[in-house]
Amino acid sequence: MRLLGIDYGAKRIGLAVSDEGGSLAFPKEVLLNDAGLFESLEKIIKEEKVSEIVIGEADLISKEVEVFTKELSQRFKIQVHKEKEYLTTLEARRYQIGLADARAAALILQRYLDRRNH
């Protein structure tokens, strides 16, 4: 079972994927939050054989995340879990600036996997 982690942002969407065993999260890529977003997500979901999605839940943009979560669930018929995110983008930037949003998505996904698996 492979999961897709999402760090939602108004301009960019960070993505991460888990290994097939659902134990480890790896940064995947960063997508622009534009008109082609769902088409890009569909391609990744199919290529990676994603069975569940984990999205970071931030208080500042909770309404936008809620709308996005419903859209994901309806379009892809995949269970979407929410994971509280606390400064994940800031933490991710400490390691490497270029893929900070994807690394933040990996942190969100890894926290969910750790909680679920233990």
N, C-alpha and C. Protein backbone atom coordinates (compact mmCIF):
# COMPACT_ATOMS: atom_id res chain seq x y z
N MET A 1 0.85 -1.17 0.00
CA MET A 1 0.00 0.00 0.00
C MET A 1 0.90 1.24 0.00
N ARG A 2 0.76 2.06 -0.99
CA ARG A 2 1.56 3.28 -1.10
C ARG A 2 0.67 4.49 -0.81
N LEU A 3 1.21 5.43 -0.03
CA LEU A 3 0.48 6.64 0.34
C LEU A 3 1.14 7.85 -0.30
N LEU A 4 0.32 8.87 -0.54
CA LEU A 4 0.78 10.14 -1.07
C LEU A 4 0.61 11.18 0.02
N GLY A 5 1.70 11.89 0.34
CA GLY A 5 1.65 12.97 1.31
C GLY A 5 1.57 14.30 0.59
N ILE A 6 0.77 15.21 1.11
CA ILE A 6 0.58 16.51 0.47
C ILE A 6 0.77 17.62 1.48
N ASP A 7 1.63 18.58 1.12
CA ASP A 7 1.78 19.82 1.86
C ASP A 7 1.11 20.89 1.00
N TYR A 8 -0.12 21.26 1.37
CA TYR A 8 -0.91 22.18 0.57
C TYR A 8 -0.48 23.62 0.80
N GLY A 9 -0.34 24.34 -0.29
CA GLY A 9 -0.06 25.77 -0.23
C GLY A 9 -0.81 26.49 -1.32
N ALA A 10 -1.05 27.77 -1.14
CA ALA A 10 -1.80 28.56 -2.12
C ALA A 10 -1.08 28.64 -3.46
N LYS A 11 0.25 28.61 -3.45
CA LYS A 11 1.02 28.71 -4.69
C LYS A 11 1.62 27.38 -5.12
N ARG A 12 2.09 26.59 -4.15
CA ARG A 12 2.76 25.33 -4.46
C ARG A 12 2.20 24.20 -3.59
N ILE A 13 2.25 22.98 -4.16
CA ILE A 13 1.81 21.78 -3.46
C ILE A 13 3.00 20.84 -3.39
N GLY A 14 3.47 20.56 -2.19
CA GLY A 14 4.56 19.61 -2.01
C GLY A 14 4.02 18.20 -1.94
N LEU A 15 4.71 17.27 -2.60
CA LEU A 15 4.27 15.88 -2.62
C LEU A 15 5.36 14.95 -2.11
N ALA A 16 4.93 13.89 -1.45
CA ALA A 16 5.83 12.84 -1.00
C ALA A 16 5.09 11.51 -1.19
N VAL A 17 5.86 10.44 -1.35
CA VAL A 17 5.26 9.11 -1.45
C VAL A 17 5.91 8.19 -0.43
N SER A 18 5.15 7.20 -0.02
CA SER A 18 5.69 6.22 0.91
C SER A 18 6.25 5.04 0.11
N ASP A 19 7.01 4.21 0.81
CA ASP A 19 7.40 2.94 0.21
C ASP A 19 6.16 2.06 0.16
N GLU A 20 6.25 0.92 -0.50
CA GLU A 20 5.07 0.06 -0.66
C GLU A 20 4.57 -0.51 0.65
N GLY A 21 5.46 -0.64 1.63
CA GLY A 21 5.05 -1.16 2.92
C GLY A 21 4.40 -0.12 3.83
N GLY A 22 4.40 1.13 3.39
CA GLY A 22 3.79 2.19 4.18
C GLY A 22 4.57 2.50 5.45
N SER A 23 5.91 2.42 5.36
CA SER A 23 6.75 2.68 6.52
C SER A 23 7.57 3.96 6.42
N LEU A 24 8.06 4.26 5.22
CA LEU A 24 8.95 5.40 5.03
C LEU A 24 8.39 6.36 3.99
N ALA A 25 8.60 7.65 4.21
CA ALA A 25 8.14 8.69 3.29
C ALA A 25 9.33 9.32 2.59
N PHE A 26 9.17 9.60 1.29
CA PHE A 26 10.22 10.20 0.48
C PHE A 26 9.67 11.40 -0.28
N PRO A 27 10.40 12.53 -0.29
CA PRO A 27 9.95 13.67 -1.09
C PRO A 27 9.82 13.26 -2.55
N LYS A 28 8.78 13.73 -3.21
CA LYS A 28 8.54 13.38 -4.61
C LYS A 28 8.79 14.58 -5.52
N GLU A 29 7.97 15.60 -5.38
CA GLU A 29 8.11 16.79 -6.23
C GLU A 29 7.22 17.91 -5.72
N VAL A 30 7.34 19.05 -6.36
CA VAL A 30 6.52 20.21 -6.03
C VAL A 30 5.75 20.60 -7.28
N LEU A 31 4.43 20.77 -7.11
CA LEU A 31 3.57 21.17 -8.22
C LEU A 31 3.06 22.58 -7.97
N LEU A 32 2.79 23.30 -9.04
CA LEU A 32 2.14 24.59 -8.92
C LEU A 32 0.67 24.37 -8.62
N ASN A 33 0.11 25.19 -7.76
CA ASN A 33 -1.32 25.12 -7.45
C ASN A 33 -2.04 25.96 -8.51
N ASP A 34 -2.25 25.33 -9.67
CA ASP A 34 -2.88 26.02 -10.80
C ASP A 34 -3.93 25.13 -11.45
N ALA A 35 -4.40 25.51 -12.61
CA ALA A 35 -5.47 24.79 -13.29
C ALA A 35 -5.09 23.36 -13.66
N GLY A 36 -3.83 23.05 -13.80
CA GLY A 36 -3.39 21.70 -14.18
C GLY A 36 -3.08 20.80 -12.99
N LEU A 37 -3.36 21.27 -11.78
CA LEU A 37 -2.98 20.53 -10.58
C LEU A 37 -3.60 19.14 -10.52
N PHE A 38 -4.90 19.03 -10.71
CA PHE A 38 -5.56 17.74 -10.55
C PHE A 38 -5.16 16.75 -11.64
N GLU A 39 -4.88 17.25 -12.82
CA GLU A 39 -4.38 16.39 -13.89
C GLU A 39 -3.01 15.82 -13.51
N SER A 40 -2.15 16.65 -12.97
CA SER A 40 -0.83 16.20 -12.52
C SER A 40 -0.95 15.20 -11.37
N LEU A 41 -1.84 15.48 -10.43
CA LEU A 41 -2.05 14.56 -9.31
C LEU A 41 -2.57 13.21 -9.79
N GLU A 42 -3.49 13.24 -10.75
CA GLU A 42 -4.03 11.98 -11.28
C GLU A 42 -2.92 11.12 -11.88
N LYS A 43 -2.03 11.74 -12.61
CA LYS A 43 -0.91 11.01 -13.22
C LYS A 43 -0.03 10.38 -12.14
N ILE A 44 0.29 11.14 -11.12
CA ILE A 44 1.15 10.63 -10.03
C ILE A 44 0.45 9.52 -9.26
N ILE A 45 -0.83 9.69 -8.97
CA ILE A 45 -1.59 8.67 -8.25
C ILE A 45 -1.60 7.36 -9.01
N LYS A 46 -1.76 7.42 -10.32
CA LYS A 46 -1.75 6.21 -11.14
C LYS A 46 -0.35 5.60 -11.23
N GLU A 47 0.65 6.44 -11.52
CA GLU A 47 2.02 5.94 -11.66
C GLU A 47 2.54 5.30 -10.38
N GLU A 48 2.24 5.91 -9.25
CA GLU A 48 2.75 5.43 -7.96
C GLU A 48 1.83 4.40 -7.31
N LYS A 49 0.67 4.15 -7.93
CA LYS A 49 -0.31 3.21 -7.38
C LYS A 49 -0.71 3.59 -5.95
N VAL A 50 -1.08 4.85 -5.78
CA VAL A 50 -1.44 5.39 -4.48
C VAL A 50 -2.80 4.85 -4.05
N SER A 51 -2.87 4.38 -2.80
CA SER A 51 -4.14 3.87 -2.29
C SER A 51 -4.77 4.77 -1.23
N GLU A 52 -3.96 5.67 -0.63
CA GLU A 52 -4.47 6.62 0.36
C GLU A 52 -3.67 7.91 0.26
N ILE A 53 -4.27 8.99 0.73
CA ILE A 53 -3.63 10.30 0.72
C ILE A 53 -3.61 10.86 2.13
N VAL A 54 -2.50 11.50 2.48
CA VAL A 54 -2.38 12.20 3.77
C VAL A 54 -2.07 13.65 3.46
N ILE A 55 -2.90 14.55 3.97
CA ILE A 55 -2.70 15.98 3.71
C ILE A 55 -2.46 16.70 5.03
N GLY A 56 -1.51 17.62 5.00
CA GLY A 56 -1.22 18.41 6.18
C GLY A 56 -2.35 19.37 6.47
N GLU A 57 -2.66 19.49 7.74
CA GLU A 57 -3.75 20.36 8.16
C GLU A 57 -3.16 21.52 8.96
N ALA A 58 -3.23 22.71 8.39
CA ALA A 58 -2.70 23.90 9.04
C ALA A 58 -3.84 24.84 9.39
N ASP A 59 -3.77 25.42 10.57
CA ASP A 59 -4.85 26.29 11.04
C ASP A 59 -5.07 27.52 10.17
N LEU A 60 -3.99 28.09 9.65
CA LEU A 60 -4.10 29.34 8.89
C LEU A 60 -4.87 29.20 7.58
N ILE A 61 -4.80 28.03 6.98
CA ILE A 61 -5.49 27.81 5.69
C ILE A 61 -6.45 26.62 5.77
N SER A 62 -7.04 26.40 6.92
CA SER A 62 -7.86 25.22 7.14
C SER A 62 -9.06 25.15 6.18
N LYS A 63 -9.67 26.28 5.85
CA LYS A 63 -10.82 26.26 4.93
C LYS A 63 -10.39 25.83 3.54
N GLU A 64 -9.25 26.34 3.06
CA GLU A 64 -8.75 25.96 1.75
C GLU A 64 -8.39 24.48 1.70
N VAL A 65 -7.78 24.00 2.79
CA VAL A 65 -7.41 22.58 2.87
C VAL A 65 -8.65 21.71 2.87
N GLU A 66 -9.69 22.14 3.56
CA GLU A 66 -10.94 21.38 3.60
C GLU A 66 -11.56 21.25 2.21
N VAL A 67 -11.61 22.35 1.47
CA VAL A 67 -12.15 22.33 0.11
C VAL A 67 -11.30 21.42 -0.78
N PHE A 68 -9.99 21.55 -0.68
CA PHE A 68 -9.06 20.73 -1.47
C PHE A 68 -9.21 19.25 -1.12
N THR A 69 -9.36 18.94 0.16
CA THR A 69 -9.53 17.55 0.62
C THR A 69 -10.80 16.93 0.03
N LYS A 70 -11.88 17.67 0.06
CA LYS A 70 -13.14 17.16 -0.51
C LYS A 70 -13.00 16.91 -2.01
N GLU A 71 -12.34 17.82 -2.70
CA GLU A 71 -12.12 17.67 -4.14
C GLU A 71 -11.29 16.42 -4.43
N LEU A 72 -10.22 16.21 -3.66
CA LEU A 72 -9.38 15.02 -3.83
C LEU A 72 -10.20 13.76 -3.66
N SER A 73 -10.96 13.71 -2.60
CA SER A 73 -11.76 12.54 -2.26
C SER A 73 -12.79 12.23 -3.35
N GLN A 74 -13.45 13.25 -3.85
CA GLN A 74 -14.48 13.07 -4.87
C GLN A 74 -13.88 12.68 -6.22
N ARG A 75 -12.81 13.33 -6.61
CA ARG A 75 -12.21 13.07 -7.92
C ARG A 75 -11.56 11.71 -8.03
N PHE A 76 -10.84 11.32 -6.97
CA PHE A 76 -10.02 10.11 -7.07
C PHE A 76 -10.57 8.92 -6.30
N LYS A 77 -11.66 9.11 -5.57
CA LYS A 77 -12.29 8.02 -4.81
C LYS A 77 -11.26 7.31 -3.94
N ILE A 78 -10.42 8.11 -3.27
CA ILE A 78 -9.37 7.61 -2.39
C ILE A 78 -9.59 8.20 -1.01
N GLN A 79 -9.34 7.39 0.01
CA GLN A 79 -9.46 7.89 1.38
C GLN A 79 -8.38 8.94 1.62
N VAL A 80 -8.79 10.07 2.21
CA VAL A 80 -7.87 11.16 2.51
C VAL A 80 -7.83 11.35 4.03
N HIS A 81 -6.63 11.27 4.59
CA HIS A 81 -6.42 11.48 6.02
C HIS A 81 -5.82 12.85 6.22
N LYS A 82 -6.12 13.46 7.35
CA LYS A 82 -5.51 14.74 7.70
C LYS A 82 -4.51 14.52 8.82
N GLU A 83 -3.39 15.20 8.72
CA GLU A 83 -2.35 15.12 9.75
C GLU A 83 -1.99 16.55 10.12
N LYS A 84 -2.08 16.87 11.40
CA LYS A 84 -1.70 18.21 11.86
C LYS A 84 -0.26 18.48 11.45
N GLU A 85 -0.02 19.66 10.94
CA GLU A 85 1.34 20.03 10.58
C GLU A 85 1.77 21.21 11.44
N TYR A 86 2.93 21.06 12.00
CA TYR A 86 3.49 22.11 12.84
C TYR A 86 4.86 22.49 12.30
N LEU A 87 4.92 23.62 11.60
CA LEU A 87 6.18 24.17 11.11
C LEU A 87 6.95 23.21 10.21
N THR A 88 6.26 22.36 9.47
CA THR A 88 6.95 21.38 8.63
C THR A 88 7.76 22.03 7.52
N THR A 89 7.23 23.09 6.90
CA THR A 89 7.98 23.75 5.83
C THR A 89 9.24 24.40 6.39
N LEU A 90 9.12 25.03 7.53
CA LEU A 90 10.28 25.64 8.16
C LEU A 90 11.33 24.58 8.50
N GLU A 91 10.87 23.47 9.06
CA GLU A 91 11.79 22.38 9.39
C GLU A 91 12.44 21.81 8.14
N ALA A 92 11.66 21.65 7.07
CA ALA A 92 12.18 21.11 5.82
C ALA A 92 13.23 22.03 5.20
N ARG A 93 13.07 23.32 5.35
CA ARG A 93 14.02 24.27 4.77
C ARG A 93 15.39 24.20 5.44
N ARG A 94 15.44 23.70 6.65
CA ARG A 94 16.73 23.55 7.32
C ARG A 94 17.62 22.55 6.60
N TYR A 95 17.02 21.61 5.90
CA TYR A 95 17.78 20.55 5.26
C TYR A 95 18.15 20.86 3.82
N GLN A 96 17.21 21.42 3.07
CA GLN A 96 17.49 21.77 1.67
C GLN A 96 16.40 22.71 1.19
N ILE A 97 16.80 23.82 0.64
CA ILE A 97 15.84 24.85 0.25
C ILE A 97 15.05 24.46 -0.99
N GLY A 98 15.66 23.89 -2.00
CA GLY A 98 15.03 23.64 -3.29
C GLY A 98 13.74 22.87 -3.27
N LEU A 99 13.66 21.83 -2.48
CA LEU A 99 12.45 21.00 -2.45
C LEU A 99 11.75 21.09 -1.09
N ALA A 100 11.78 22.25 -0.49
CA ALA A 100 11.24 22.40 0.87
C ALA A 100 9.79 21.93 0.95
N ASP A 101 8.96 22.23 -0.03
CA ASP A 101 7.55 21.83 0.03
C ASP A 101 7.40 20.31 -0.07
N ALA A 102 8.21 19.66 -0.90
CA ALA A 102 8.17 18.20 -1.01
C ALA A 102 8.70 17.56 0.27
N ARG A 103 9.74 18.16 0.85
CA ARG A 103 10.27 17.64 2.12
C ARG A 103 9.26 17.84 3.25
N ALA A 104 8.54 18.94 3.23
CA ALA A 104 7.49 19.16 4.22
C ALA A 104 6.41 18.10 4.07
N ALA A 105 6.05 17.77 2.83
CA ALA A 105 5.06 16.71 2.58
C ALA A 105 5.57 15.38 3.13
N ALA A 106 6.87 15.11 2.97
CA ALA A 106 7.46 13.87 3.48
C ALA A 106 7.40 13.85 5.01
N LEU A 107 7.65 14.99 5.66
CA LEU A 107 7.55 15.06 7.12
C LEU A 107 6.12 14.80 7.60
N ILE A 108 5.16 15.39 6.91
CA ILE A 108 3.75 15.17 7.25
C ILE A 108 3.40 13.70 7.10
N LEU A 109 3.78 13.13 5.97
CA LEU A 109 3.47 11.72 5.70
C LEU A 109 4.18 10.81 6.70
N GLN A 110 5.45 11.08 7.00
CA GLN A 110 6.19 10.24 7.93
C GLN A 110 5.59 10.28 9.32
N ARG A 111 5.15 11.44 9.76
CA ARG A 111 4.49 11.53 11.07
C ARG A 111 3.23 10.69 11.11
N TYR A 112 2.46 10.74 10.03
CA TYR A 112 1.24 9.92 9.96
C TYR A 112 1.59 8.45 9.98
N LEU A 113 2.58 8.04 9.17
CA LEU A 113 2.97 6.62 9.11
C LEU A 113 3.48 6.14 10.46
N ASP A 114 4.30 6.95 11.12
CA ASP A 114 4.83 6.56 12.43
C ASP A 114 3.70 6.36 13.45
N ARG A 115 2.77 7.28 13.44
CA ARG A 115 1.62 7.19 14.38
C ARG A 115 0.77 5.97 14.08
N ARG A 116 0.53 5.72 12.80
CA ARG A 116 -0.31 4.60 12.39
C ARG A 116 0.36 3.25 12.64
N ASN A 117 1.65 3.19 12.42
CA ASN A 117 2.37 1.91 12.51
C ASN A 117 2.83 1.55 13.92
N HIS A 118 2.71 2.49 14.86
CA HIS A 118 3.18 2.18 16.20
C HIS A 118 2.10 2.29 17.21
